[in-house]
Amino acid sequence: MANSLSPKIPLPTPMKEACLETTGNHLNIKYLKLVNHTGSGRKEWSYEKYCKGDSFPLHWAMNEDKKKGLSEEKINKILARKEKDAKKAVQGDRILLCQNHYNYGHRVTHVVETVSSTAERTGEMWTRLVRVVWVEQDPWEYAPQTKNVIGDFLFKGGNLISANPPSIVLNLDALK
């Protein structure tokens, strides 16, 4: 009598998408950027309509409330700093976008990758073409709180901040 044992065939285990693995800086995030200042009581989310794989122009703009009472020369100096910041990332760099919503506080909504190699001026703002690598699912009111992803680091503007200083420890486990 022959023993008819079949070899054990390992069953595939479910795998998470590569962008959801949670070891270190697996998304290769190089910069952080804050959008949506609440100074004017803004309650909309920026870039809400863009899904994973979509491209859109990321803005470096001066808050309209901050322009009040400033000379044209001062505004132009601020816009020159915005231009320099918009040009900081090189093509392929990834940026973690955090938004400050009037009702829901600071939330992480996107990880984007720069597509264009340069920034473009559009009116009184600078833009950079980016592609969505990760985006929070609706409703964004439940998006990860910024402090749960980057710790107690506080943003002071919409400029690019390096994700590598010792004061920032990325917790990408929060991006599920």
Protein backbone atom coordinates (compact mmCIF):
# COMPACT_ATOMS: atom_id res chain seq x y z
CA MET A 1 0.00 0.00 0.00
CA ALA A 2 1.54 3.26 -1.11
CA ASN A 3 1.33 6.20 1.20
CA SER A 4 -0.28 9.01 -0.79
CA LEU A 5 0.62 12.07 1.23
CA SER A 6 0.50 15.25 -0.72
CA PRO A 7 3.14 17.85 0.04
CA LYS A 8 1.92 20.76 2.11
CA ILE A 9 1.38 23.70 -0.15
CA PRO A 10 1.55 26.99 1.71
CA LEU A 11 -1.56 29.07 1.22
CA PRO A 12 -0.98 32.66 0.23
CA THR A 13 -1.42 35.12 3.04
CA PRO A 14 -3.21 38.38 2.40
CA MET A 15 -0.76 41.19 1.72
CA LYS A 16 -1.29 44.85 2.37
CA GLU A 17 -0.62 47.27 -0.43
CA ALA A 18 3.04 48.19 -0.50
CA CYS A 19 2.21 51.76 0.47
CA LEU A 20 0.53 50.57 3.66
CA GLU A 21 3.37 48.53 5.10
CA THR A 22 4.41 50.10 8.34
CA THR A 23 8.14 49.73 8.76
CA GLY A 24 10.16 52.91 9.04
CA ASN A 25 9.76 55.57 6.39
CA HIS A 26 8.53 53.09 3.77
CA LEU A 27 6.84 55.88 1.84
CA ASN A 28 10.19 57.69 1.54
CA ILE A 29 8.66 60.92 2.80
CA LYS A 30 11.17 63.73 2.47
CA TYR A 31 9.04 66.75 3.40
CA LEU A 32 6.01 67.80 5.42
CA LYS A 33 3.67 70.59 4.30
CA LEU A 34 0.74 72.25 6.05
CA VAL A 35 -2.25 73.44 4.01
CA ASN A 36 -5.49 75.17 5.06
CA HIS A 37 -4.73 77.76 7.69
CA THR A 38 -7.63 78.37 10.04
CA GLY A 39 -6.91 82.08 10.42
CA SER A 40 -9.88 82.90 8.21
CA GLY A 41 -12.07 80.18 9.76
CA ARG A 42 -11.79 78.02 6.64
CA LYS A 43 -13.84 74.85 6.87
CA GLU A 44 -13.13 73.20 3.49
CA TRP A 45 -10.55 70.51 2.85
CA SER A 46 -7.99 71.15 0.11
CA TYR A 47 -7.41 68.61 -2.66
CA GLU A 48 -10.35 66.50 -1.46
CA LYS A 49 -11.39 65.37 -4.93
CA TYR A 50 -8.04 63.76 -5.80
CA CYS A 51 -7.64 59.97 -5.51
CA LYS A 52 -4.56 57.74 -5.46
CA GLY A 53 -2.75 58.10 -8.79
CA ASP A 54 -4.31 61.49 -9.63
CA SER A 55 -2.11 64.50 -10.34
CA PHE A 56 -2.85 68.06 -9.26
CA PRO A 57 -1.08 71.40 -8.74
CA LEU A 58 0.05 71.76 -5.11
CA HIS A 59 -0.09 75.42 -4.04
CA TRP A 60 2.32 77.72 -2.26
CA ALA A 61 0.19 80.77 -1.71
CA MET A 62 0.11 83.66 0.67
CA ASN A 63 -2.83 83.64 3.05
CA GLU A 64 -5.21 86.40 1.93
CA ASP A 65 -5.69 87.58 5.53
CA LYS A 66 -1.93 88.14 5.87
CA LYS A 67 -1.81 90.44 2.82
CA LYS A 68 -3.97 93.08 4.47
CA GLY A 69 -1.98 96.19 5.28
CA LEU A 70 1.24 95.00 3.62
CA SER A 71 3.03 96.96 0.94
CA GLU A 72 3.41 95.47 -2.52
CA GLU A 73 7.16 95.23 -1.89
CA LYS A 74 6.61 93.16 1.28
CA ILE A 75 4.10 90.91 -0.52
CA ASN A 76 6.61 90.36 -3.35
CA LYS A 77 9.31 89.37 -0.83
CA ILE A 78 6.96 86.82 0.73
CA LEU A 79 6.04 85.47 -2.71
CA ALA A 80 9.76 85.16 -3.53
CA ARG A 81 10.17 82.97 -0.43
CA LYS A 82 7.16 80.92 -1.57
CA GLU A 83 8.83 80.46 -4.96
CA LYS A 84 12.07 79.28 -3.35
CA ASP A 85 10.14 76.83 -1.18
CA ALA A 86 8.06 75.49 -4.08
CA LYS A 87 11.31 74.78 -5.95
CA LYS A 88 12.96 73.05 -2.95
CA ALA A 89 11.74 69.51 -3.66
CA VAL A 90 13.26 67.68 -6.60
CA GLN A 91 11.24 65.58 -9.00
CA GLY A 92 10.21 62.35 -7.27
CA ASP A 93 10.38 63.70 -3.69
CA ARG A 94 7.45 62.74 -1.48
CA ILE A 95 5.54 65.17 0.71
CA LEU A 96 3.20 64.39 3.61
CA LEU A 97 0.30 66.87 3.51
CA CYS A 98 -1.28 67.94 6.78
CA GLN A 99 -4.36 70.13 6.90
CA ASN A 100 -5.59 72.41 9.63
CA HIS A 101 -9.38 72.29 9.56
CA TYR A 102 -11.41 74.78 11.58
CA ASN A 103 -13.67 72.11 13.13
CA TYR A 104 -11.44 69.01 13.16
CA GLY A 105 -7.93 70.30 13.87
CA HIS A 106 -4.73 69.08 12.25
CA ARG A 107 -5.16 65.95 10.11
CA VAL A 108 -2.94 64.05 7.66
CA THR A 109 -4.77 63.75 4.34
CA HIS A 110 -2.26 62.92 1.57
CA VAL A 111 1.17 61.70 0.62
CA VAL A 112 2.14 63.14 -2.76
CA GLU A 113 5.14 62.81 -5.05
CA THR A 114 6.47 65.69 -7.14
CA VAL A 115 5.95 65.05 -10.84
CA SER A 116 7.29 68.27 -12.34
CA SER A 117 10.89 69.33 -12.04
CA THR A 118 10.09 73.01 -11.51
CA ALA A 119 7.50 75.26 -9.92
CA GLU A 120 5.22 77.50 -11.97
CA ARG A 121 3.78 80.89 -11.08
CA THR A 122 0.01 81.11 -11.36
CA GLY A 123 -1.24 84.57 -10.43
CA GLU A 124 -0.07 85.30 -6.89
CA MET A 125 0.89 81.73 -6.03
CA TRP A 126 3.38 79.08 -6.98
CA THR A 127 2.33 75.56 -7.93
CA ARG A 128 4.06 72.25 -8.34
CA LEU A 129 2.53 69.26 -10.14
CA VAL A 130 2.26 66.31 -7.74
CA ARG A 131 0.77 62.80 -7.89
CA VAL A 132 -1.19 61.22 -5.04
CA VAL A 133 0.62 58.22 -3.53
CA TRP A 134 -1.69 57.82 -0.50
CA VAL A 135 -4.91 59.58 0.43
CA GLU A 136 -7.16 59.26 3.48
CA GLN A 137 -10.57 57.78 2.81
CA ASP A 138 -13.74 59.79 3.45
CA PRO A 139 -14.81 61.12 5.82
CA TRP A 140 -11.66 63.12 6.46
CA GLU A 141 -12.92 64.13 9.90
CA TYR A 142 -11.49 60.75 10.95
CA ALA A 143 -8.15 61.16 9.17
CA PRO A 144 -5.12 60.51 11.37
CA GLN A 145 -4.36 63.42 13.65
CA THR A 146 -1.11 65.09 12.67
CA LYS A 147 0.32 64.61 16.19
CA ASN A 148 -0.20 60.84 15.84
CA VAL A 149 1.87 60.79 12.65
CA ILE A 150 4.62 63.37 13.27
CA GLY A 151 4.48 63.86 17.06
CA ASP A 152 4.25 67.24 18.74
CA PHE A 153 5.94 69.18 15.94
CA LEU A 154 4.08 72.46 15.29
CA PHE A 155 3.83 74.01 11.85
CA LYS A 156 4.23 77.75 11.47
CA GLY A 157 3.39 78.05 7.79
CA GLY A 158 2.83 76.28 4.51
CA ASN A 159 6.49 75.77 3.66
CA LEU A 160 8.21 72.43 3.15
CA ILE A 161 9.74 71.06 6.34
CA SER A 162 12.32 68.29 6.19
CA ALA A 163 10.92 65.03 7.60
CA ASN A 164 14.34 64.14 9.04
CA PRO A 165 15.08 66.52 11.92
CA PRO A 166 15.35 64.89 15.35
CA SER A 167 12.16 66.65 16.47
CA ILE A 168 10.10 64.64 13.94
CA VAL A 169 9.63 60.90 14.28
CA LEU A 170 7.28 59.58 11.62
CA ASN A 171 4.64 57.07 12.76
CA LEU A 172 3.34 55.80 9.44
CA ASP A 173 1.37 53.05 11.22
CA ALA A 174 -1.34 55.70 11.57
CA LEU A 175 -1.78 55.79 7.77
CA LYS A 176 -4.06 52.81 7.27
